[in-house]
């Protein structure tokens, strides 16, 4: 679980930086990360549900 949270945090920061360079607020990248990894985040975790 901690690994999954780390992935979400790092991807959120990366997409936030990309959005910032495109002239968008960082929160847009973080929200996009939440939407994408929220839907597909179960594949990041090796834990059984």
PDB file of N, CA and C in Angstrom:
ATOM      1  N   UNK A   1       0.825  -1.191   0.000  1.00  0.00           N
ATOM      2  CA  UNK A   1       0.000   0.000   0.000  1.00  0.00           C
ATOM      3  C   UNK A   1       0.864   1.248   0.000  1.00  0.00           C
ATOM      4  N   UNK A   2       1.919   1.220   0.752  1.00  0.00           N
ATOM      5  CA  UNK A   2       2.795   2.381   0.806  1.00  0.00           C
ATOM      6  C   UNK A   2       3.459   2.628  -0.547  1.00  0.00           C
ATOM      7  N   UNK A   3       3.776   1.566  -1.249  1.00  0.00           N
ATOM      8  CA  UNK A   3       4.369   1.697  -2.572  1.00  0.00           C
ATOM      9  C   UNK A   3       3.385   2.347  -3.534  1.00  0.00           C
ATOM     10  N   UNK A   4       2.133   1.952  -3.470  1.00  0.00           N
ATOM     11  CA  UNK A   4       1.111   2.534  -4.344  1.00  0.00           C
ATOM     12  C   UNK A   4       0.952   4.021  -4.075  1.00  0.00           C
ATOM     13  N   UNK A   5       0.964   4.398  -2.823  1.00  0.00           N
ATOM     14  CA  UNK A   5       0.858   5.817  -2.485  1.00  0.00           C
ATOM     15  C   UNK A   5       2.065   6.596  -2.987  1.00  0.00           C
ATOM     16  N   UNK A   6       3.231   5.971  -2.918  1.00  0.00           N
ATOM     17  CA  UNK A   6       4.436   6.610  -3.442  1.00  0.00           C
ATOM     18  C   UNK A   6       4.346   6.839  -4.942  1.00  0.00           C
ATOM     19  N   UNK A   7       3.841   5.817  -5.671  1.00  0.00           N
ATOM     20  CA  UNK A   7       3.658   5.969  -7.119  1.00  0.00           C
ATOM     21  C   UNK A   7       2.686   7.099  -7.434  1.00  0.00           C
ATOM     22  N   UNK A   8       1.592   7.140  -6.728  1.00  0.00           N
ATOM     23  CA  UNK A   8       0.587   8.182  -6.961  1.00  0.00           C
ATOM     24  C   UNK A   8       1.184   9.562  -6.701  1.00  0.00           C
ATOM     25  N   UNK A   9       1.942   9.686  -5.635  1.00  0.00           N
ATOM     26  CA  UNK A   9       2.558  10.961  -5.286  1.00  0.00           C
ATOM     27  C   UNK A   9       3.559  11.396  -6.351  1.00  0.00           C
ATOM     28  N   UNK A  10       4.422  10.484  -6.784  1.00  0.00           N
ATOM     29  CA  UNK A  10       5.443  10.836  -7.777  1.00  0.00           C
ATOM     30  C   UNK A  10       4.837  11.161  -9.138  1.00  0.00           C
ATOM     31  N   UNK A  11       3.860  10.391  -9.556  1.00  0.00           N
ATOM     32  CA  UNK A  11       3.214  10.670 -10.844  1.00  0.00           C
ATOM     33  C   UNK A  11       2.458  11.995 -10.768  1.00  0.00           C
ATOM     34  N   UNK A  12       1.837  12.267  -9.637  1.00  0.00           N
ATOM     35  CA  UNK A  12       1.138  13.539  -9.464  1.00  0.00           C
ATOM     36  C   UNK A  12       2.072  14.731  -9.558  1.00  0.00           C
ATOM     37  N   UNK A  13       3.233  14.606  -8.939  1.00  0.00           N
ATOM     38  CA  UNK A  13       4.210  15.692  -9.029  1.00  0.00           C
ATOM     39  C   UNK A  13       4.744  15.857 -10.450  1.00  0.00           C
ATOM     40  N   UNK A  14       4.987  14.739 -11.120  1.00  0.00           N
ATOM     41  CA  UNK A  14       5.497  14.807 -12.496  1.00  0.00           C
ATOM     42  C   UNK A  14       4.473  15.450 -13.428  1.00  0.00           C
ATOM     43  N   UNK A  15       3.231  15.000 -13.361  1.00  0.00           N
ATOM     44  CA  UNK A  15       2.202  15.592 -14.224  1.00  0.00           C
ATOM     45  C   UNK A  15       1.899  17.033 -13.829  1.00  0.00           C
ATOM     46  N   UNK A  16       2.039  17.344 -12.557  1.00  0.00           N
ATOM     47  CA  UNK A  16       1.880  18.731 -12.130  1.00  0.00           C
ATOM     48  C   UNK A  16       2.941  19.630 -12.745  1.00  0.00           C
ATOM     49  N   UNK A  17       4.173  19.131 -12.805  1.00  0.00           N
ATOM     50  CA  UNK A  17       5.253  19.893 -13.436  1.00  0.00           C
ATOM     51  C   UNK A  17       5.047  20.064 -14.927  1.00  0.00           C
ATOM     52  N   UNK A  18       4.554  19.011 -15.577  1.00  0.00           N
ATOM     53  CA  UNK A  18       4.282  19.099 -17.014  1.00  0.00           C
ATOM     54  C   UNK A  18       3.182  20.118 -17.289  1.00  0.00           C
ATOM     55  N   UNK A  19       2.138  20.075 -16.487  1.00  0.00           N
ATOM     56  CA  UNK A  19       1.052  21.044 -16.674  1.00  0.00           C
ATOM     57  C   UNK A  19       1.532  22.462 -16.413  1.00  0.00           C
ATOM     58  N   UNK A  20       2.411  22.631 -15.454  1.00  0.00           N
ATOM     59  CA  UNK A  20       2.952  23.959 -15.150  1.00  0.00           C
ATOM     60  C   UNK A  20       3.718  24.514 -16.347  1.00  0.00           C
ATOM     61  N   UNK A  21       4.489  23.646 -17.021  1.00  0.00           N
ATOM     62  CA  UNK A  21       5.231  24.086 -18.207  1.00  0.00           C
ATOM     63  C   UNK A  21       4.302  24.421 -19.373  1.00  0.00           C
ATOM     64  N   UNK A  22       3.132  23.805 -19.385  1.00  0.00           N
ATOM     65  CA  UNK A  22       2.152  24.095 -20.432  1.00  0.00           C
ATOM     66  C   UNK A  22       1.307  25.325 -20.107  1.00  0.00           C
ATOM     67  N   UNK A  23       1.543  25.929 -18.948  1.00  0.00           N
ATOM     68  CA  UNK A  23       0.809  27.125 -18.570  1.00  0.00           C
ATOM     69  C   UNK A  23      -0.471  26.847 -17.792  1.00  0.00           C
ATOM     70  N   UNK A  24      -0.637  25.609 -17.356  1.00  0.00           N
ATOM     71  CA  UNK A  24      -1.808  25.234 -16.574  1.00  0.00           C
ATOM     72  C   UNK A  24      -1.422  25.151 -15.103  1.00  0.00           C
ATOM     73  N   UNK A  25      -2.389  25.271 -14.214  1.00  0.00           N
ATOM     74  CA  UNK A  25      -2.080  25.099 -12.799  1.00  0.00           C
ATOM     75  C   UNK A  25      -1.658  23.661 -12.501  1.00  0.00           C
ATOM     76  N   UNK A  26      -0.793  23.489 -11.508  1.00  0.00           N
ATOM     77  CA  UNK A  26      -0.310  22.157 -11.134  1.00  0.00           C
ATOM     78  C   UNK A  26      -1.436  21.232 -10.693  1.00  0.00           C
ATOM     79  N   UNK A  27      -2.466  21.808 -10.120  1.00  0.00           N
ATOM     80  CA  UNK A  27      -3.559  20.988  -9.602  1.00  0.00           C
ATOM     81  C   UNK A  27      -4.244  20.200 -10.725  1.00  0.00           C
ATOM     82  N   UNK A  28      -4.191  20.707 -11.954  1.00  0.00           N
ATOM     83  CA  UNK A  28      -4.789  19.991 -13.083  1.00  0.00           C
ATOM     84  C   UNK A  28      -4.064  18.660 -13.293  1.00  0.00           C
ATOM     85  N   UNK A  29      -2.750  18.680 -13.245  1.00  0.00           N
ATOM     86  CA  UNK A  29      -1.979  17.448 -13.383  1.00  0.00           C
ATOM     87  C   UNK A  29      -2.230  16.485 -12.245  1.00  0.00           C
ATOM     88  N   UNK A  30      -2.359  17.007 -11.045  1.00  0.00           N
ATOM     89  CA  UNK A  30      -2.615  16.147  -9.891  1.00  0.00           C
ATOM     90  C   UNK A  30      -4.022  15.549  -9.945  1.00  0.00           C
ATOM     91  N   UNK A  31      -4.977  16.335 -10.396  1.00  0.00           N
ATOM     92  CA  UNK A  31      -6.335  15.807 -10.552  1.00  0.00           C
ATOM     93  C   UNK A  31      -6.388  14.739 -11.636  1.00  0.00           C
ATOM     94  N   UNK A  32      -5.688  14.978 -12.733  1.00  0.00           N
ATOM     95  CA  UNK A  32      -5.637  13.988 -13.800  1.00  0.00           C
ATOM     96  C   UNK A  32      -5.000  12.691 -13.306  1.00  0.00           C
ATOM     97  N   UNK A  33      -3.970  12.816 -12.501  1.00  0.00           N
ATOM     98  CA  UNK A  33      -3.334  11.638 -11.900  1.00  0.00           C
ATOM     99  C   UNK A  33      -4.323  10.877 -11.037  1.00  0.00           C
ATOM    100  N   UNK A  34      -5.082  11.585 -10.239  1.00  0.00           N
ATOM    101  CA  UNK A  34      -6.071  10.936  -9.385  1.00  0.00           C
ATOM    102  C   UNK A  34      -7.137  10.205 -10.169  1.00  0.00           C
ATOM    103  N   UNK A  35      -7.564  10.799 -11.271  1.00  0.00           N
ATOM    104  CA  UNK A  35      -8.585  10.153 -12.097  1.00  0.00           C
ATOM    105  C   UNK A  35      -8.026   8.897 -12.753  1.00  0.00           C
ATOM    106  N   UNK A  36      -6.860   9.014 -13.369  1.00  0.00           N
ATOM    107  CA  UNK A  36      -6.288   7.878 -14.099  1.00  0.00           C
ATOM    108  C   UNK A  36      -5.865   6.766 -13.144  1.00  0.00           C
ATOM    109  N   UNK A  37      -5.125   7.107 -12.121  1.00  0.00           N
ATOM    110  CA  UNK A  37      -4.645   6.066 -11.207  1.00  0.00           C
ATOM    111  C   UNK A  37      -5.746   5.577 -10.273  1.00  0.00           C
ATOM    112  N   UNK A  38      -6.773   6.352 -10.108  1.00  0.00           N
ATOM    113  CA  UNK A  38      -7.909   5.875  -9.327  1.00  0.00           C
ATOM    114  C   UNK A  38      -8.641   4.763 -10.050  1.00  0.00           C
ATOM    115  N   UNK A  39      -8.708   4.880 -11.367  1.00  0.00           N
ATOM    116  CA  UNK A  39      -9.363   3.858 -12.164  1.00  0.00           C
ATOM    117  C   UNK A  39      -8.479   2.628 -12.349  1.00  0.00           C
ATOM    118  N   UNK A  40      -7.188   2.856 -12.533  1.00  0.00           N
ATOM    119  CA  UNK A  40      -6.282   1.765 -12.860  1.00  0.00           C
ATOM    120  C   UNK A  40      -5.264   1.499 -11.758  1.00  0.00           C
ATOM    121  N   UNK A  41      -5.422   2.092 -10.621  1.00  0.00           N
ATOM    122  CA  UNK A  41      -4.469   1.956  -9.531  1.00  0.00           C
ATOM    123  C   UNK A  41      -4.393   0.568  -8.938  1.00  0.00           C
ATOM    124  N   UNK A  42      -5.433  -0.209  -9.103  1.00  0.00           N
ATOM    125  CA  UNK A  42      -5.410  -1.558  -8.548  1.00  0.00           C
ATOM    126  C   UNK A  42      -4.351  -2.427  -9.211  1.00  0.00           C
ATOM    127  N   UNK A  43      -3.913  -2.048 -10.415  1.00  0.00           N
ATOM    128  CA  UNK A  43      -2.868  -2.802 -11.090  1.00  0.00           C
ATOM    129  C   UNK A  43      -1.483  -2.465 -10.558  1.00  0.00           C
ATOM    130  N   UNK A  44      -1.352  -1.339  -9.866  1.00  0.00           N
ATOM    131  CA  UNK A  44      -0.071  -0.955  -9.290  1.00  0.00           C
ATOM    132  C   UNK A  44       0.234  -1.747  -8.025  1.00  0.00           C
ATOM    133  N   UNK A  45      -0.801  -2.124  -7.337  1.00  0.00           N
ATOM    134  CA  UNK A  45      -0.633  -2.817  -6.061  1.00  0.00           C
ATOM    135  C   UNK A  45      -0.537  -4.321  -6.278  1.00  0.00           C
ATOM    136  N   UNK A  46       0.350  -4.953  -5.549  1.00  0.00           N
ATOM    137  CA  UNK A  46       0.488  -6.407  -5.619  1.00  0.00           C
ATOM    138  C   UNK A  46      -0.311  -7.090  -4.516  1.00  0.00           C
ATOM    139  N   UNK A  47      -0.974  -6.280  -3.713  1.00  0.00           N
ATOM    140  CA  UNK A  47      -1.772  -6.823  -2.631  1.00  0.00           C
ATOM    141  C   UNK A  47      -3.086  -7.366  -3.159  1.00  0.00           C
ATOM    142  N   UNK A  48      -3.599  -8.356  -2.476  1.00  0.00           N
ATOM    143  CA  UNK A  48      -4.901  -8.902  -2.848  1.00  0.00           C
ATOM    144  C   UNK A  48      -5.994  -8.035  -2.221  1.00  0.00           C
ATOM    145  N   UNK A  49      -7.071  -7.773  -2.968  1.00  0.00           N
ATOM    146  CA  UNK A  49      -8.143  -6.905  -2.442  1.00  0.00           C
ATOM    147  C   UNK A  49      -8.900  -7.523  -1.311  1.00  0.00           C
TER     148      UNK A  49
END
